[in-house]
Protein backbone atom coordinates (compact mmCIF):
# COMPACT_ATOMS: atom_id res chain seq x y z
CA UNK A 1 42.97 158.00 52.73
CA UNK A 2 43.55 154.68 51.02
CA UNK A 3 45.07 151.72 52.86
CA UNK A 4 48.11 151.63 50.56
CA UNK A 5 48.86 155.26 51.32
CA UNK A 6 48.52 154.64 55.07
CA UNK A 7 50.84 151.63 54.82
CA UNK A 8 53.40 153.65 52.89
CA UNK A 9 53.30 156.47 55.47
CA UNK A 10 53.61 153.99 58.33
CA UNK A 11 56.56 152.25 56.69
CA UNK A 12 58.33 155.56 56.02
CA UNK A 13 57.75 156.66 59.61
CA UNK A 14 59.18 153.37 60.91
CA UNK A 15 62.34 153.83 58.84
CA UNK A 16 62.75 157.39 60.10
CA UNK A 17 62.34 156.29 63.73
CA UNK A 18 64.71 153.36 63.25
CA UNK A 19 67.29 155.62 61.63
CA UNK A 20 67.05 158.17 64.42
CA UNK A 21 67.42 155.42 67.03
CA UNK A 22 70.43 153.94 65.24
CA UNK A 23 72.12 157.34 65.01
CA UNK A 24 71.54 157.95 68.73
CA UNK A 25 72.98 154.53 69.58
CA UNK A 26 75.93 155.15 67.26
CA UNK A 27 76.67 158.47 68.97
CA UNK A 28 76.47 156.82 72.40
CA UNK A 29 78.83 154.04 71.34
CA UNK A 30 81.43 156.42 69.87
CA UNK A 31 81.26 158.51 73.05
CA UNK A 32 81.97 155.41 75.15
CA UNK A 33 84.91 154.49 72.91
CA UNK A 34 86.36 157.99 73.26
CA UNK A 35 86.04 157.82 77.07
CA UNK A 36 87.67 154.37 77.10
CA UNK A 37 90.59 155.66 75.01
CA UNK A 38 91.03 158.69 77.29
CA UNK A 39 91.06 156.39 80.33
CA UNK A 40 93.47 153.76 78.97
CA UNK A 41 95.67 156.18 77.02
CA UNK A 42 95.85 159.05 79.52
CA UNK A 43 98.36 161.04 77.43
CA UNK A 44 95.84 161.29 74.58
CA UNK A 45 93.92 164.49 73.96
CA UNK A 46 91.44 165.64 71.32
CA UNK A 47 90.14 162.08 70.85
CA UNK A 48 87.43 161.34 68.28
CA UNK A 49 85.99 157.98 67.26
CA UNK A 50 83.64 156.66 64.61
CA UNK A 51 81.88 153.35 63.99
CA UNK A 52 80.05 152.37 60.80
CA UNK A 53 76.27 152.66 61.09
CA UNK A 54 75.87 149.39 59.21
CA UNK A 55 77.69 147.53 62.04
CA UNK A 56 75.33 148.73 64.76
CA UNK A 57 73.04 145.64 64.87
CA UNK A 58 76.06 143.35 65.33
CA UNK A 59 77.71 145.73 67.79
CA UNK A 60 74.59 145.78 69.98
CA UNK A 61 74.12 142.00 70.10
CA UNK A 62 77.74 140.84 70.50
CA UNK A 63 80.33 141.25 73.26
CA UNK A 64 82.65 143.21 70.96
CA UNK A 65 82.61 146.15 68.56
CA UNK A 66 83.34 145.05 65.02
CA UNK A 67 85.43 148.02 63.88
CA UNK A 68 86.23 151.59 64.88
CA UNK A 69 88.33 154.46 63.62
CA UNK A 70 90.01 156.49 66.37
CA UNK A 71 91.89 159.74 65.89
CA UNK A 72 94.07 161.31 68.58
CA UNK A 73 94.88 164.93 67.86
CA UNK A 74 97.78 165.16 70.30
CA UNK A 75 99.89 162.48 71.98
CA UNK A 76 103.35 162.70 73.50
CA UNK A 77 105.23 159.64 72.25
CA UNK A 78 107.51 157.85 74.69
CA UNK A 79 111.05 159.23 74.58
CA UNK A 80 109.92 162.36 72.76
CA UNK A 81 108.51 165.67 73.94
CA UNK A 82 106.90 166.22 70.54
CA UNK A 83 103.11 166.23 70.39
CA UNK A 84 102.22 163.82 67.60
CA UNK A 85 98.91 162.82 66.04
CA UNK A 86 97.78 159.20 65.96
CA UNK A 87 95.26 157.44 63.70
CA UNK A 88 94.03 154.01 64.84
CA UNK A 89 92.02 151.41 62.94
CA UNK A 90 90.76 148.79 65.39
CA UNK A 91 88.83 145.59 64.79
CA UNK A 92 87.02 143.30 67.25
CA UNK A 93 87.19 145.57 70.30
CA UNK A 94 86.05 143.86 73.49
CA UNK A 95 83.39 145.65 75.52
CA UNK A 96 84.75 144.21 78.76
CA UNK A 97 87.78 145.53 80.60
CA UNK A 98 90.70 145.41 80.09
CA UNK A 99 89.99 146.37 76.50
CA UNK A 100 91.38 143.77 74.10
CA UNK A 101 91.64 144.64 70.40
CA UNK A 102 91.68 141.78 67.90
CA UNK A 103 93.70 143.66 65.28
CA UNK A 104 95.22 147.10 65.40
CA UNK A 105 96.67 149.45 62.79
CA UNK A 106 98.37 152.51 64.31
CA UNK A 107 99.88 155.42 62.39
CA UNK A 108 101.71 158.05 64.43
CA UNK A 109 102.71 161.25 62.64
CA UNK A 110 105.51 163.38 64.07
CA UNK A 111 105.09 167.01 62.89
CA UNK A 112 107.32 168.26 60.07
CA UNK A 113 108.64 171.11 62.25
CA UNK A 114 109.84 168.59 64.84
CA UNK A 115 111.58 166.45 62.21
CA UNK A 116 113.38 169.45 60.71
CA UNK A 117 114.38 170.79 64.13
CA UNK A 118 115.79 167.45 65.29
CA UNK A 119 117.58 166.60 62.02
CA UNK A 120 121.35 166.79 62.46
CA UNK A 121 121.89 168.06 58.90
CA UNK A 122 122.50 171.49 57.38
CA UNK A 123 119.49 173.47 56.09
CA UNK A 124 117.07 170.56 56.34
CA UNK A 125 113.65 170.88 54.73
CA UNK A 126 111.02 168.45 53.51
CA UNK A 127 110.68 168.29 49.73
CA UNK A 128 108.02 165.89 48.50
CA UNK A 129 108.61 162.60 50.31
CA UNK A 130 112.28 163.28 51.13
CA UNK A 131 114.42 165.37 53.44
CA UNK A 132 116.57 167.83 51.50
CA UNK A 133 119.84 168.88 53.17
CA UNK A 134 122.93 170.88 52.25
CA UNK A 135 126.20 169.01 51.67
CA UNK A 136 129.74 169.72 50.53
CA UNK A 137 131.98 172.76 50.91
CA UNK A 138 129.98 175.89 51.82
CA UNK A 139 126.80 173.84 51.43
CA UNK A 140 126.88 174.14 47.63
CA UNK A 141 125.46 170.67 47.17
CA UNK A 142 122.07 169.24 48.01
CA UNK A 143 121.14 165.71 49.02
CA UNK A 144 117.75 164.03 49.23
CA UNK A 145 117.30 161.56 52.09
CA UNK A 146 114.42 159.13 52.48
CA UNK A 147 113.29 157.46 55.73
CA UNK A 148 113.92 153.74 56.18
CA UNK A 149 113.50 151.31 59.05
CA UNK A 150 115.16 148.18 60.36
CA UNK A 151 113.73 146.26 63.31
CA UNK A 152 112.79 149.03 65.78
CA UNK A 153 115.09 151.71 64.37
CA UNK A 154 114.34 154.52 61.90
CA UNK A 155 117.04 156.24 59.87
CA UNK A 156 117.58 158.23 56.66
CA UNK A 157 119.14 156.85 53.50
CA UNK A 158 120.73 158.85 50.68
CA UNK A 159 118.46 158.88 47.64
CA UNK A 160 120.35 161.34 45.43
CA UNK A 161 122.90 164.15 45.57
CA UNK A 162 123.67 167.10 43.33
CA UNK A 163 126.56 169.57 43.29
CA UNK A 164 125.85 172.96 41.65
CA UNK A 165 122.88 171.38 39.93
CA UNK A 166 124.86 168.40 38.58
CA UNK A 167 123.30 165.14 39.82
CA UNK A 168 125.52 162.37 41.13
CA UNK A 169 123.99 158.88 41.46
CA UNK A 170 124.07 157.68 45.06
CA UNK A 171 125.25 154.29 43.78
CA UNK A 172 128.52 155.90 42.61
CA UNK A 173 129.33 157.30 46.05
CA UNK A 174 131.46 155.44 48.62
CA UNK A 175 129.50 153.10 50.87
CA UNK A 176 130.79 154.81 54.00
CA UNK A 177 128.80 157.94 53.07
CA UNK A 178 125.58 155.97 53.39
CA UNK A 179 126.82 154.53 56.70
CA UNK A 180 127.65 158.02 57.99
CA UNK A 181 124.17 159.29 57.12
CA UNK A 182 122.55 156.25 58.75
CA UNK A 183 124.61 156.51 61.94
CA UNK A 184 123.93 160.24 62.19
CA UNK A 185 120.18 159.94 61.73
CA UNK A 186 119.31 156.58 63.33
CA UNK A 187 116.73 156.67 66.12
CA UNK A 188 115.48 153.76 68.19
CA UNK A 189 111.72 153.80 68.79
CA UNK A 190 109.66 152.15 71.49
CA UNK A 191 107.40 149.59 69.83
CA UNK A 192 104.63 148.27 72.11
CA UNK A 193 104.59 144.50 72.65
CA UNK A 194 102.48 142.74 70.04
CA UNK A 195 102.99 145.44 67.42
CA UNK A 196 105.49 145.49 64.56
CA UNK A 197 106.91 148.42 62.65
CA UNK A 198 105.55 148.09 59.12
CA UNK A 199 106.44 151.31 57.30
CA UNK A 200 107.75 154.86 57.56
CA UNK A 201 107.08 157.74 55.20
CA UNK A 202 107.72 161.46 54.95
CA UNK A 203 105.36 164.17 53.73
CA UNK A 204 104.61 167.84 54.29
CA UNK A 205 102.73 166.77 57.46
CA UNK A 206 105.80 165.08 58.92
CA UNK A 207 107.16 161.60 59.53
CA UNK A 208 104.49 158.88 59.66
CA UNK A 209 105.27 155.61 61.43
CA UNK A 210 102.91 152.67 60.89
CA UNK A 211 102.60 149.85 63.43
CA UNK A 212 100.38 146.77 63.17
CA UNK A 213 99.54 143.90 65.47
CA UNK A 214 96.88 141.62 66.93
CA UNK A 215 95.39 140.82 70.34
CA UNK A 216 96.55 144.10 71.91
CA UNK A 217 95.45 145.39 75.30
CA UNK A 218 94.63 149.07 74.91
CA UNK A 219 95.93 149.94 78.37
CA UNK A 220 99.32 148.29 77.72
CA UNK A 221 99.53 150.18 74.43
CA UNK A 222 99.12 153.42 76.36
CA UNK A 223 101.89 152.54 78.82
CA UNK A 224 104.49 151.81 76.12
CA UNK A 225 103.61 154.05 73.17
């Protein structure tokens, strides 16, 4: 066998061994992240984590993990008995304890069934990105409500209304109607220190609440979320 062929085989074998080693290390690191999340967020269940393979050299030689995606299948949010799902994007995660996260993007999704059950409106159902409810005498009208937020409060705002199929612009309705809807639907939420409420949205999956912040201790997040 020629030297060039031997060199090519040796190089290929080295890449295979390096790849296998990197995948093993990646699996070990994600397992440790999952255990850390389960320890510091004890209400979390069905936790999975992932880290990019390309970041492994830096992750192994530094005192922090560059980035990780963490998904929590079930989590009971503070002040609510509903089991919600949580998606976390974390950057610069310290390996030491307590776990400090440089920047954090958290999206909690409250199931659609919970939103419909807790809505204080007639015949509520999610249509597209809005909550459709019955209004007017005998419920002959329909209104579309969209989620909004202000500071640490979430509420619904009238987007449009129709009576017997005839649309009425929300702008032509008295202002007190909007205020009534807001006061009826407003809910205060517990926002962990260091995080800010950035957006809310509605879909067939439910109500998604996005929080973002920096320099967050994972354990303190678990005690307030």
